[in-house]
Protein backbone atom coordinates (compact mmCIF):
# COMPACT_ATOMS: atom_id res chain seq x y z
CA UNK A 1 0.00 0.00 0.00
CA UNK A 2 1.32 3.44 -0.93
CA UNK A 3 1.76 5.61 2.17
CA UNK A 4 0.79 9.23 2.74
CA UNK A 5 4.47 10.17 3.02
CA UNK A 6 5.25 8.51 -0.31
CA UNK A 7 2.36 10.31 -1.99
CA UNK A 8 3.71 13.64 -0.74
CA UNK A 9 7.15 12.73 -2.11
CA UNK A 10 5.65 11.88 -5.53
CA UNK A 11 4.91 15.57 -6.10
CA UNK A 12 8.61 16.12 -6.82
CA UNK A 13 8.68 13.75 -9.81
CA UNK A 14 7.56 14.18 -13.38
CA UNK A 15 4.78 11.79 -14.27
CA UNK A 16 4.26 9.16 -15.42
CA UNK A 17 6.77 7.05 -13.51
CA UNK A 18 7.03 3.52 -12.15
CA UNK A 19 7.14 3.32 -8.38
CA UNK A 20 8.72 0.24 -6.82
CA UNK A 21 8.01 -0.68 -3.20
CA UNK A 22 11.25 -2.50 -2.47
CA UNK A 23 10.15 -3.40 1.06
CA UNK A 24 7.23 -5.37 -0.40
CA UNK A 25 9.57 -6.97 -2.93
CA UNK A 26 11.86 -8.14 -0.13
CA UNK A 27 8.91 -9.41 1.92
CA UNK A 28 7.69 -11.36 -1.10
CA UNK A 29 11.14 -12.82 -1.73
CA UNK A 30 11.53 -13.74 1.96
CA UNK A 31 8.32 -15.77 1.80
CA UNK A 32 9.18 -17.37 -1.54
CA UNK A 33 12.71 -18.28 -0.47
CA UNK A 34 11.44 -19.81 2.79
CA UNK A 35 9.20 -22.12 0.77
CA UNK A 36 11.78 -23.33 -1.74
CA UNK A 37 14.29 -23.85 1.05
CA UNK A 38 11.70 -25.82 3.02
CA UNK A 39 11.33 -28.34 0.21
CA UNK A 40 14.85 -28.16 -1.24
CA UNK A 41 13.69 -26.72 -4.58
CA UNK A 42 15.62 -24.50 -7.00
CA UNK A 43 14.35 -21.27 -8.56
CA UNK A 44 15.27 -19.21 -11.62
CA UNK A 45 13.68 -15.75 -11.83
CA UNK A 46 11.83 -15.17 -15.12
CA UNK A 47 13.53 -11.99 -16.33
CA UNK A 48 10.84 -11.25 -18.90
CA UNK A 49 8.58 -10.11 -16.04
CA UNK A 50 10.83 -7.20 -15.05
CA UNK A 51 14.44 -6.54 -16.02
CA UNK A 52 14.93 -3.34 -14.01
CA UNK A 53 18.53 -3.33 -12.75
CA UNK A 54 17.72 -2.68 -9.09
CA UNK A 55 14.99 -5.32 -9.10
CA UNK A 56 17.44 -7.82 -10.60
CA UNK A 57 20.10 -6.98 -8.02
CA UNK A 58 17.73 -7.65 -5.12
CA UNK A 59 16.49 -10.93 -6.60
CA UNK A 60 20.05 -12.10 -7.31
CA UNK A 61 20.89 -11.33 -3.70
CA UNK A 62 18.41 -13.98 -2.60
CA UNK A 63 20.40 -16.63 -4.47
CA UNK A 64 17.93 -17.20 -7.29
CA UNK A 65 19.07 -18.04 -10.78
CA UNK A 66 17.70 -16.55 -13.99
CA UNK A 67 15.19 -17.84 -16.51
CA UNK A 68 15.83 -16.24 -19.91
CA UNK A 69 13.89 -16.30 -23.18
CA UNK A 70 16.30 -14.41 -25.44
CA UNK A 71 20.01 -14.12 -26.02
CA UNK A 72 20.00 -10.56 -24.70
CA UNK A 73 18.31 -11.72 -21.50
CA UNK A 74 21.13 -14.26 -21.08
CA UNK A 75 23.67 -11.46 -21.57
CA UNK A 76 21.85 -9.23 -19.08
CA UNK A 77 21.65 -12.03 -16.52
CA UNK A 78 25.42 -12.58 -16.74
CA UNK A 79 26.09 -8.82 -16.64
CA UNK A 80 23.83 -8.51 -13.59
CA UNK A 81 25.89 -11.09 -11.73
CA UNK A 82 23.67 -14.17 -11.92
CA UNK A 83 25.68 -17.39 -11.73
CA UNK A 84 25.77 -18.88 -15.27
CA UNK A 85 25.29 -22.29 -13.65
CA UNK A 86 21.87 -21.05 -12.51
CA UNK A 87 20.77 -19.65 -15.88
CA UNK A 88 18.21 -21.54 -17.98
CA UNK A 89 17.32 -20.48 -21.51
CA UNK A 90 13.98 -21.23 -23.16
CA UNK A 91 12.25 -19.95 -26.30
CA UNK A 92 10.90 -21.49 -29.49
CA UNK A 93 13.11 -19.45 -31.83
CA UNK A 94 16.68 -19.31 -30.52
CA UNK A 95 18.98 -17.96 -33.26
CA UNK A 96 22.44 -19.36 -33.94
CA UNK A 97 23.95 -16.13 -32.60
CA UNK A 98 21.99 -16.44 -29.36
CA UNK A 99 22.84 -20.12 -28.92
CA UNK A 100 26.57 -19.47 -29.43
CA UNK A 101 26.54 -16.62 -26.90
CA UNK A 102 24.81 -18.82 -24.33
CA UNK A 103 27.32 -21.61 -24.96
CA UNK A 104 30.18 -19.18 -24.41
CA UNK A 105 28.54 -18.03 -21.17
CA UNK A 106 28.41 -21.62 -19.91
CA UNK A 107 24.74 -21.60 -18.88
CA UNK A 108 23.15 -24.41 -16.89
CA UNK A 109 20.61 -25.53 -19.49
CA UNK A 110 18.92 -24.85 -22.79
CA UNK A 111 15.23 -25.69 -22.53
CA UNK A 112 14.69 -27.09 -26.03
CA UNK A 113 11.32 -26.70 -27.73
CA UNK A 114 11.69 -28.73 -30.94
CA UNK A 115 13.67 -31.64 -32.34
CA UNK A 116 15.39 -29.43 -34.97
CA UNK A 117 16.56 -27.12 -32.18
CA UNK A 118 18.18 -30.04 -30.35
CA UNK A 119 20.13 -30.93 -33.48
CA UNK A 120 21.22 -27.33 -34.13
CA UNK A 121 22.45 -26.82 -30.56
CA UNK A 122 24.47 -30.03 -30.87
CA UNK A 123 26.01 -28.92 -34.17
CA UNK A 124 26.87 -25.45 -32.90
CA UNK A 125 28.35 -26.88 -29.71
CA UNK A 126 30.45 -29.30 -31.75
CA UNK A 127 31.74 -26.45 -33.89
CA UNK A 128 32.81 -24.59 -30.76
CA UNK A 129 34.34 -27.65 -29.09
CA UNK A 130 31.76 -27.50 -26.30
CA UNK A 131 29.16 -29.75 -24.74
CA UNK A 132 25.70 -28.26 -24.22
CA UNK A 133 23.38 -29.21 -21.39
CA UNK A 134 19.75 -29.40 -22.45
CA UNK A 135 16.31 -30.13 -21.07
CA UNK A 136 13.26 -30.93 -23.15
CA UNK A 137 10.35 -28.55 -22.83
CA UNK A 138 7.32 -30.80 -22.93
CA UNK A 139 3.89 -29.61 -24.02
CA UNK A 140 1.62 -31.34 -21.46
CA UNK A 141 -1.69 -30.34 -23.12
CA UNK A 142 -3.16 -28.79 -19.97
CA UNK A 143 -5.71 -25.98 -19.94
CA UNK A 144 -4.46 -23.45 -17.38
CA UNK A 145 -7.74 -21.45 -17.51
CA UNK A 146 -5.95 -18.20 -18.24
CA UNK A 147 -5.97 -15.67 -21.10
CA UNK A 148 -5.39 -17.30 -24.49
CA UNK A 149 -2.34 -15.11 -25.16
CA UNK A 150 -0.55 -16.38 -22.02
CA UNK A 151 -1.64 -20.01 -22.22
CA UNK A 152 1.39 -22.06 -23.26
CA UNK A 153 0.62 -25.68 -22.37
CA UNK A 154 -2.10 -26.70 -24.83
CA UNK A 155 -1.29 -28.91 -27.80
CA UNK A 156 -2.26 -26.13 -30.24
CA UNK A 157 0.22 -23.72 -28.62
CA UNK A 158 3.59 -23.16 -30.29
CA UNK A 159 5.55 -24.09 -27.17
CA UNK A 160 7.26 -27.35 -26.32
CA UNK A 161 7.49 -30.87 -27.69
CA UNK A 162 4.43 -33.11 -27.67
CA UNK A 163 4.62 -36.68 -26.33
CA UNK A 164 4.09 -38.21 -29.77
CA UNK A 165 7.56 -36.88 -30.70
CA UNK A 166 9.39 -38.47 -27.73
CA UNK A 167 10.84 -41.31 -29.81
CA UNK A 168 12.22 -38.79 -32.29
CA UNK A 169 13.74 -36.92 -29.33
CA UNK A 170 15.37 -40.11 -28.03
CA UNK A 171 16.76 -40.98 -31.45
CA UNK A 172 18.16 -37.48 -31.88
CA UNK A 173 19.77 -37.50 -28.43
CA UNK A 174 21.44 -40.82 -29.24
CA UNK A 175 23.03 -39.27 -32.33
CA UNK A 176 24.11 -36.01 -30.70
CA UNK A 177 27.47 -36.44 -29.03
CA UNK A 178 27.86 -32.83 -27.89
CA UNK A 179 24.76 -32.78 -25.68
CA UNK A 180 24.08 -33.74 -22.09
CA UNK A 181 20.42 -34.46 -21.37
CA UNK A 182 19.38 -33.04 -17.98
CA UNK A 183 15.66 -33.59 -17.80
CA UNK A 184 12.19 -32.23 -18.54
CA UNK A 185 10.79 -28.71 -18.51
CA UNK A 186 7.12 -27.70 -18.30
CA UNK A 187 5.25 -24.40 -18.33
CA UNK A 188 1.48 -24.34 -18.81
CA UNK A 189 0.78 -20.62 -18.76
CA UNK A 190 0.85 -17.41 -16.79
CA UNK A 191 -1.40 -15.72 -14.20
CA UNK A 192 -2.88 -19.03 -13.03
CA UNK A 193 -5.13 -18.48 -10.01
CA UNK A 194 -6.92 -21.84 -10.00
CA UNK A 195 -4.36 -23.76 -7.94
CA UNK A 196 -5.74 -27.25 -8.76
CA UNK A 197 -4.20 -26.70 -12.22
CA UNK A 198 -0.81 -27.28 -10.60
CA UNK A 199 -1.94 -30.58 -9.06
CA UNK A 200 -2.97 -31.66 -12.54
CA UNK A 201 0.40 -30.56 -13.89
CA UNK A 202 2.21 -32.69 -11.28
CA UNK A 203 0.23 -35.77 -12.26
CA UNK A 204 0.93 -35.10 -15.92
CA UNK A 205 4.65 -34.68 -15.20
CA UNK A 206 4.70 -38.14 -13.65
CA UNK A 207 2.86 -39.66 -16.62
CA UNK A 208 5.25 -38.08 -19.12
CA UNK A 209 8.50 -38.82 -17.32
CA UNK A 210 7.48 -42.48 -17.18
CA UNK A 211 8.15 -42.69 -20.93
CA UNK A 212 11.78 -41.65 -20.44
CA UNK A 213 12.27 -43.92 -17.44
CA UNK A 214 10.83 -46.85 -19.41
CA UNK A 215 13.31 -46.13 -22.21
CA UNK A 216 16.20 -45.95 -19.71
CA UNK A 217 16.79 -42.23 -20.25
CA UNK A 218 17.63 -40.69 -16.85
CA UNK A 219 15.62 -37.64 -15.82
CA UNK A 220 17.82 -35.81 -13.32
CA UNK A 221 15.85 -32.54 -13.31
CA UNK A 222 12.18 -31.63 -13.32
CA UNK A 223 11.46 -27.97 -14.12
CA UNK A 224 7.82 -27.00 -13.50
CA UNK A 225 8.18 -23.47 -14.84
CA UNK A 226 6.15 -20.66 -13.30
CA UNK A 227 2.64 -19.34 -13.76
CA UNK A 228 1.38 -18.65 -10.23
CA UNK A 229 -0.97 -15.68 -10.40
CA UNK A 230 -1.47 -12.61 -8.23
CA UNK A 231 -4.56 -10.72 -7.09
CA UNK A 232 -5.07 -7.86 -9.54
CA UNK A 233 -8.51 -7.08 -8.11
CA UNK A 234 -7.36 -6.37 -4.54
CA UNK A 235 -3.60 -5.72 -4.56
CA UNK A 236 -3.64 -3.72 -1.33
CA UNK A 237 -5.59 -6.37 0.57
CA UNK A 238 -3.76 -9.36 -0.92
CA UNK A 239 -0.27 -8.16 -1.86
CA UNK A 240 1.67 -11.45 -1.78
CA UNK A 241 1.01 -14.50 -3.94
CA UNK A 242 -0.15 -17.65 -2.17
CA UNK A 243 3.21 -19.39 -2.09
CA UNK A 244 2.50 -21.72 0.86
CA UNK A 245 -0.62 -23.20 -0.76
CA UNK A 246 1.12 -23.47 -4.13
CA UNK A 247 4.14 -25.35 -2.84
CA UNK A 248 2.01 -27.54 -0.59
CA UNK A 249 0.13 -28.69 -3.71
CA UNK A 250 3.40 -29.32 -5.54
CA UNK A 251 4.89 -31.25 -2.62
CA UNK A 252 1.82 -33.45 -2.21
CA UNK A 253 1.34 -34.24 -5.88
CA UNK A 254 4.75 -34.31 -7.55
CA UNK A 255 6.58 -37.64 -7.58
CA UNK A 256 10.27 -36.89 -7.03
CA UNK A 257 12.67 -39.79 -7.39
CA UNK A 258 15.90 -40.12 -5.40
CA UNK A 259 18.52 -37.74 -6.74
CA UNK A 260 16.10 -35.69 -8.83
CA UNK A 261 16.25 -31.89 -8.53
CA UNK A 262 13.11 -29.78 -8.88
CA UNK A 263 13.20 -26.31 -10.45
CA UNK A 264 10.77 -23.40 -10.77
CA UNK A 265 10.71 -20.19 -12.80
CA UNK A 266 8.80 -17.52 -10.83
CA UNK A 267 8.28 -14.13 -12.44
CA UNK A 268 5.02 -12.24 -12.02
CA UNK A 269 4.39 -13.71 -8.56
CA UNK A 270 7.58 -12.09 -7.25
CA UNK A 271 7.41 -8.61 -8.77
CA UNK A 272 3.89 -7.70 -9.91
CA UNK A 273 2.57 -6.22 -6.69
CA UNK A 274 5.66 -4.19 -5.77
CA UNK A 275 5.29 -1.99 -8.85
CA UNK A 276 2.85 0.86 -9.54
CA UNK A 277 2.48 3.19 -12.51
CA UNK A 278 1.98 6.70 -11.14
CA UNK A 279 0.21 9.17 -13.39
CA UNK A 280 -1.54 12.55 -13.27
CA UNK A 281 -4.99 13.56 -14.39
CA UNK A 282 -4.61 15.84 -17.40
CA UNK A 283 -8.28 16.53 -18.03
CA UNK A 284 -11.72 15.49 -16.88
CA UNK A 285 -14.02 15.38 -19.89
CA UNK A 286 -17.74 15.23 -19.21
CA UNK A 287 -20.08 13.77 -21.81
CA UNK A 288 -23.82 13.21 -21.78
CA UNK A 289 -23.51 9.63 -20.57
CA UNK A 290 -20.08 9.32 -19.00
CA UNK A 291 -17.09 11.10 -17.54
CA UNK A 292 -13.55 10.55 -18.81
CA UNK A 293 -10.49 10.86 -16.58
CA UNK A 294 -7.65 11.42 -19.05
CA UNK A 295 -4.25 10.49 -17.63
CA UNK A 296 -0.73 11.28 -18.82
CA UNK A 297 0.22 7.56 -18.69
CA UNK A 298 -0.61 5.55 -21.77
CA UNK A 299 -0.61 2.05 -23.17
CA UNK A 300 3.02 2.59 -24.14
CA UNK A 301 3.85 2.59 -20.40
CA UNK A 302 1.74 -0.45 -19.46
CA UNK A 303 0.39 -2.42 -22.39
CA UNK A 304 -1.40 -5.23 -20.52
CA UNK A 305 -4.91 -3.69 -20.58
CA UNK A 306 -4.70 -2.99 -24.31
CA UNK A 307 -3.04 -6.29 -25.19
CA UNK A 308 -4.75 -8.72 -22.80
CA UNK A 309 -7.80 -6.74 -21.69
CA UNK A 310 -6.15 -7.04 -18.28
CA UNK A 311 -7.58 -5.48 -15.13
CA UNK A 312 -5.45 -3.17 -12.99
CA UNK A 313 -6.79 -1.58 -9.82
CA UNK A 314 -6.88 2.22 -10.17
CA UNK A 315 -6.69 4.61 -7.20
CA UNK A 316 -6.86 8.40 -6.99
CA UNK A 317 -4.12 9.09 -4.45
CA UNK A 318 -4.72 12.79 -3.83
CA UNK A 319 -8.49 13.26 -3.82
CA UNK A 320 -10.79 13.02 -0.84
CA UNK A 321 -13.92 13.75 -2.87
CA UNK A 322 -16.87 11.41 -3.16
CA UNK A 323 -16.52 8.51 -5.54
CA UNK A 324 -17.76 8.91 -9.08
CA UNK A 325 -17.74 6.65 -12.09
CA UNK A 326 -15.15 7.33 -14.80
CA UNK A 327 -13.79 5.82 -17.97
CA UNK A 328 -10.07 6.11 -17.26
CA UNK A 329 -8.05 6.58 -20.44
CA UNK A 330 -4.60 7.56 -21.64
CA UNK A 331 -3.25 10.05 -24.20
CA UNK A 332 -2.17 7.61 -26.91
CA UNK A 333 -3.91 7.92 -30.28
CA UNK A 334 -5.65 4.53 -29.99
CA UNK A 335 -9.10 3.67 -28.65
CA UNK A 336 -7.47 0.66 -26.96
CA UNK A 337 -5.57 3.10 -24.71
CA UNK A 338 -8.10 2.65 -21.93
CA UNK A 339 -7.27 1.76 -18.33
CA UNK A 340 -10.78 0.84 -17.34
CA UNK A 341 -14.41 1.66 -17.98
CA UNK A 342 -16.93 2.75 -15.37
CA UNK A 343 -14.35 2.70 -12.58
CA UNK A 344 -15.27 4.19 -9.22
CA UNK A 345 -12.68 6.82 -8.24
CA UNK A 346 -12.57 9.64 -5.75
CA UNK A 347 -13.60 12.81 -7.59
CA UNK A 348 -10.93 13.52 -10.20
CA UNK A 349 -9.52 16.95 -10.91
CA UNK A 350 -6.66 18.13 -13.08
CA UNK A 351 -3.34 17.39 -11.40
CA UNK A 352 -4.55 14.55 -9.17
CA UNK A 353 -2.06 11.72 -8.76
CA UNK A 354 -3.44 8.35 -9.82
CA UNK A 355 -1.88 4.90 -9.22
CA UNK A 356 -2.30 1.97 -11.55
CA UNK A 357 -1.46 -0.89 -9.21
CA UNK A 358 0.16 -4.30 -9.85
CA UNK A 359 2.42 -2.85 -12.56
CA UNK A 360 5.66 -4.51 -11.43
CA UNK A 361 5.35 -7.35 -13.94
CA UNK A 362 5.09 -6.75 -17.68
CA UNK A 363 5.02 -3.00 -17.16
CA UNK A 364 8.34 -1.20 -17.52
CA UNK A 365 9.88 -4.17 -19.31
CA UNK A 366 7.31 -3.92 -22.13
CA UNK A 367 7.35 -0.12 -22.39
CA UNK A 368 7.78 1.44 -25.82
CA UNK A 369 7.96 4.85 -27.50
CA UNK A 370 4.79 4.60 -29.57
CA UNK A 371 3.62 8.09 -30.59
CA UNK A 372 7.24 9.05 -29.78
CA UNK A 373 6.33 9.29 -26.13
CA UNK A 374 9.11 9.42 -23.55
CA UNK A 375 9.95 6.30 -21.59
CA UNK A 376 8.83 6.66 -17.99
CA UNK A 377 11.53 6.54 -15.32
CA UNK A 378 11.59 4.51 -12.11
CA UNK A 379 11.33 5.75 -8.52
CA UNK A 380 12.19 3.49 -5.57
CA UNK A 381 10.81 3.41 -2.05
CA UNK A 382 14.33 3.10 -0.60
CA UNK A 383 15.20 6.51 -2.05
CA UNK A 384 12.20 8.22 -0.42
CA UNK A 385 13.18 7.30 3.14
């Protein structure tokens, strides 16, 4: 929750800006780390959620590795001080340049998403005189009951290798002398709030790894990816993801054989709630049927509502007036630049500070300069003390 003192300090900054509550980030990481330590699990932070340098430094300080989905994310993880032996690299379209850079960095594992990719990584590793460690990203065909754009585990999705191709995988691995097979990787989607989905995933993991065990292919690592959702509807009342319930479900349902290591790739669940997009009201436009609160923050600063029709809680930080209903919109020349329709906000006036909550994940990292708008800067709670 943003404090009165922080709101007063916001007046000194040009809007829009991203505000990061680093105390909440540390609290979230404390709880997450206590859970993975309790069960002996390993975690790699999904950098695509937020690649802000100070956020990365804090997460690295908790001993987490990095989950990367591009060559530049691998480079940034190394530059930010993450141990290469804790870096995993996924993505359906890794280029030769990206693969070579990751091989030079000595990362822990490539999470491979097709049979041709396995062969290419082997060939590139051979050409460099190296041996690449790989895991197979399996498409488990599970409906995660999330938005179609962030569902990744159904058979019609582009991600992962389907079970019908396992024999082809085994044959390819047998031919590839510059690869070390580590295990299986799964990721069924993002912003999953129906926790029984993860129990289903665990059961499916056991079914699928049985094929490899039956074919005498050791599975040393099981990577269950990420996907745990956060409460976008009530971020102030429920600011930390439900880690204890999540890991209890994993522990009770996942079959872990002696010597196997279990990995996770948390992203949104760690950083979403610590970030806020702070904006000002530029104009209040009154029509015959509705009122518009026009902000100086636009879809270029936080694209989730326009791209996913995502809900973000909106709060007028500086008004004590009675609540009225507004369509809250941005300045970008697109009708999709809308933060929410018929939202109840304290009476809005020009200059009021407004917070778009839960912007710590897929906010700043996805920002762009559409309409040639400036990129918003970041402000940190530690610097306001």
